[in-house]
Amino acid sequence: MILFLALLIAGIALIAIGAAVDGTLYLLSIGVLLLIADLLYLAARSVRRSCRRPAR
């Protein structure tokens, strides 16, 4: 979960810097890609976790 939060904070920071500073569109795109990767990581983790637990 710490990895998820660290990636989330880094993605938001890169998006904010990329949007605020002129000429750093690459930071904005890296931040968006990082957020997408972070959401995919969260989805994969929740799917794996739900498969392991038996239904009660």
N, C-alpha and C. Protein backbone atom coordinates (compact mmCIF):
# COMPACT_ATOMS: atom_id res chain seq x y z
N MET A 1 0.82 -1.19 0.00
CA MET A 1 0.00 0.00 0.00
C MET A 1 0.86 1.26 0.00
N ILE A 2 2.04 1.17 0.59
CA ILE A 2 2.94 2.32 0.61
C ILE A 2 3.42 2.62 -0.81
N LEU A 3 3.66 1.57 -1.60
CA LEU A 3 4.06 1.77 -2.99
C LEU A 3 2.96 2.50 -3.77
N PHE A 4 1.72 2.12 -3.54
CA PHE A 4 0.59 2.78 -4.20
C PHE A 4 0.55 4.27 -3.84
N LEU A 5 0.67 4.58 -2.58
CA LEU A 5 0.62 5.98 -2.15
C LEU A 5 1.80 6.78 -2.68
N ALA A 6 2.99 6.18 -2.70
CA ALA A 6 4.16 6.88 -3.21
C ALA A 6 4.01 7.18 -4.70
N LEU A 7 3.51 6.21 -5.47
CA LEU A 7 3.30 6.44 -6.89
C LEU A 7 2.20 7.46 -7.14
N LEU A 8 1.17 7.45 -6.31
CA LEU A 8 0.09 8.42 -6.44
C LEU A 8 0.58 9.83 -6.19
N ILE A 9 1.35 10.02 -5.14
CA ILE A 9 1.88 11.35 -4.81
C ILE A 9 2.86 11.82 -5.89
N ALA A 10 3.71 10.92 -6.38
CA ALA A 10 4.67 11.28 -7.43
C ALA A 10 3.94 11.67 -8.71
N GLY A 11 2.90 10.93 -9.05
CA GLY A 11 2.14 11.25 -10.26
C GLY A 11 1.46 12.59 -10.17
N ILE A 12 0.86 12.87 -9.04
CA ILE A 12 0.18 14.16 -8.86
C ILE A 12 1.19 15.31 -8.88
N ALA A 13 2.35 15.10 -8.27
CA ALA A 13 3.38 16.15 -8.27
C ALA A 13 3.89 16.41 -9.68
N LEU A 14 4.12 15.35 -10.45
CA LEU A 14 4.59 15.54 -11.83
C LEU A 14 3.55 16.24 -12.69
N ILE A 15 2.29 15.91 -12.49
CA ILE A 15 1.23 16.57 -13.24
C ILE A 15 1.17 18.06 -12.88
N ALA A 16 1.28 18.37 -11.60
CA ALA A 16 1.22 19.77 -11.18
C ALA A 16 2.41 20.56 -11.73
N ILE A 17 3.60 19.99 -11.69
CA ILE A 17 4.77 20.68 -12.20
C ILE A 17 4.69 20.82 -13.72
N GLY A 18 4.25 19.75 -14.39
CA GLY A 18 4.14 19.79 -15.85
C GLY A 18 3.11 20.79 -16.33
N ALA A 19 2.04 20.97 -15.57
CA ALA A 19 1.02 21.93 -15.97
C ALA A 19 1.42 23.37 -15.63
N ALA A 20 2.20 23.56 -14.58
CA ALA A 20 2.53 24.91 -14.13
C ALA A 20 3.71 25.52 -14.87
N VAL A 21 4.71 24.72 -15.18
CA VAL A 21 5.93 25.24 -15.79
C VAL A 21 5.83 25.11 -17.31
N ASP A 22 6.15 26.18 -17.99
CA ASP A 22 6.06 26.20 -19.45
C ASP A 22 7.20 25.37 -20.06
N GLY A 23 6.87 24.54 -21.02
CA GLY A 23 7.88 23.75 -21.71
C GLY A 23 8.17 22.41 -21.07
N THR A 24 7.38 22.00 -20.09
CA THR A 24 7.61 20.71 -19.44
C THR A 24 6.40 19.79 -19.64
N LEU A 25 5.98 19.72 -20.89
CA LEU A 25 4.85 18.86 -21.21
C LEU A 25 5.18 17.39 -20.98
N TYR A 26 6.46 17.04 -21.11
CA TYR A 26 6.86 15.66 -20.88
C TYR A 26 6.62 15.24 -19.42
N LEU A 27 6.76 16.16 -18.48
CA LEU A 27 6.47 15.83 -17.08
C LEU A 27 4.99 15.56 -16.88
N LEU A 28 4.16 16.32 -17.57
CA LEU A 28 2.72 16.11 -17.49
C LEU A 28 2.35 14.74 -18.04
N SER A 29 2.94 14.38 -19.17
CA SER A 29 2.62 13.07 -19.76
C SER A 29 3.17 11.93 -18.91
N ILE A 30 4.35 12.08 -18.33
CA ILE A 30 4.89 11.05 -17.45
C ILE A 30 4.01 10.91 -16.21
N GLY A 31 3.52 12.00 -15.67
CA GLY A 31 2.64 11.95 -14.51
C GLY A 31 1.34 11.24 -14.81
N VAL A 32 0.76 11.49 -15.97
CA VAL A 32 -0.48 10.81 -16.35
C VAL A 32 -0.23 9.32 -16.53
N LEU A 33 0.87 8.97 -17.20
CA LEU A 33 1.19 7.55 -17.37
C LEU A 33 1.45 6.87 -16.03
N LEU A 34 2.08 7.58 -15.11
CA LEU A 34 2.33 7.02 -13.79
C LEU A 34 1.03 6.79 -13.03
N LEU A 35 0.07 7.70 -13.16
CA LEU A 35 -1.23 7.51 -12.51
C LEU A 35 -1.99 6.34 -13.12
N ILE A 36 -1.91 6.17 -14.43
CA ILE A 36 -2.57 5.04 -15.07
C ILE A 36 -1.93 3.73 -14.61
N ALA A 37 -0.60 3.69 -14.55
CA ALA A 37 0.09 2.49 -14.08
C ALA A 37 -0.26 2.20 -12.63
N ASP A 38 -0.42 3.24 -11.83
CA ASP A 38 -0.77 3.09 -10.43
C ASP A 38 -2.18 2.51 -10.28
N LEU A 39 -3.11 2.96 -11.08
CA LEU A 39 -4.46 2.42 -11.02
C LEU A 39 -4.51 0.97 -11.49
N LEU A 40 -3.71 0.63 -12.51
CA LEU A 40 -3.63 -0.76 -12.96
C LEU A 40 -3.02 -1.65 -11.88
N TYR A 41 -2.02 -1.14 -11.17
CA TYR A 41 -1.42 -1.89 -10.07
C TYR A 41 -2.44 -2.13 -8.96
N LEU A 42 -3.23 -1.12 -8.64
CA LEU A 42 -4.25 -1.27 -7.61
C LEU A 42 -5.32 -2.28 -8.04
N ALA A 43 -5.72 -2.24 -9.30
CA ALA A 43 -6.73 -3.18 -9.78
C ALA A 43 -6.19 -4.61 -9.77
N ALA A 44 -4.95 -4.80 -10.20
CA ALA A 44 -4.36 -6.14 -10.20
C ALA A 44 -4.21 -6.67 -8.78
N ARG A 45 -3.84 -5.81 -7.88
CA ARG A 45 -3.68 -6.23 -6.49
C ARG A 45 -5.02 -6.61 -5.87
N SER A 46 -6.07 -5.88 -6.18
CA SER A 46 -7.38 -6.19 -5.60
C SER A 46 -7.95 -7.47 -6.20
N VAL A 47 -7.68 -7.73 -7.47
CA VAL A 47 -8.16 -8.96 -8.10
C VAL A 47 -7.44 -10.16 -7.50
N ARG A 48 -6.13 -10.06 -7.33
CA ARG A 48 -5.37 -11.16 -6.74
C ARG A 48 -5.82 -11.42 -5.31
N ARG A 49 -6.08 -10.37 -4.58
CA ARG A 49 -6.47 -10.53 -3.18
C ARG A 49 -7.86 -11.14 -3.05
N SER A 50 -8.76 -10.78 -3.95
CA SER A 50 -10.13 -11.31 -3.87
C SER A 50 -10.18 -12.78 -4.27
N CYS A 51 -9.26 -13.24 -5.10
CA CYS A 51 -9.25 -14.64 -5.52
C CYS A 51 -8.77 -15.58 -4.43
N ARG A 52 -7.97 -15.10 -3.54
CA ARG A 52 -7.39 -15.94 -2.49
C ARG A 52 -8.36 -16.22 -1.35
N ARG A 53 -9.26 -15.32 -1.09
CA ARG A 53 -10.16 -15.46 0.06
C ARG A 53 -11.40 -16.27 -0.33
N PRO A 54 -11.71 -17.28 0.44
CA PRO A 54 -12.93 -18.04 0.14
C PRO A 54 -14.16 -17.25 0.58
N ALA A 55 -15.25 -17.47 -0.12
CA ALA A 55 -16.52 -16.79 0.22
C ALA A 55 -17.10 -17.40 1.48
N ARG A 56 -17.63 -16.55 2.32
CA ARG A 56 -18.21 -17.06 3.58
C ARG A 56 -19.70 -17.12 3.49
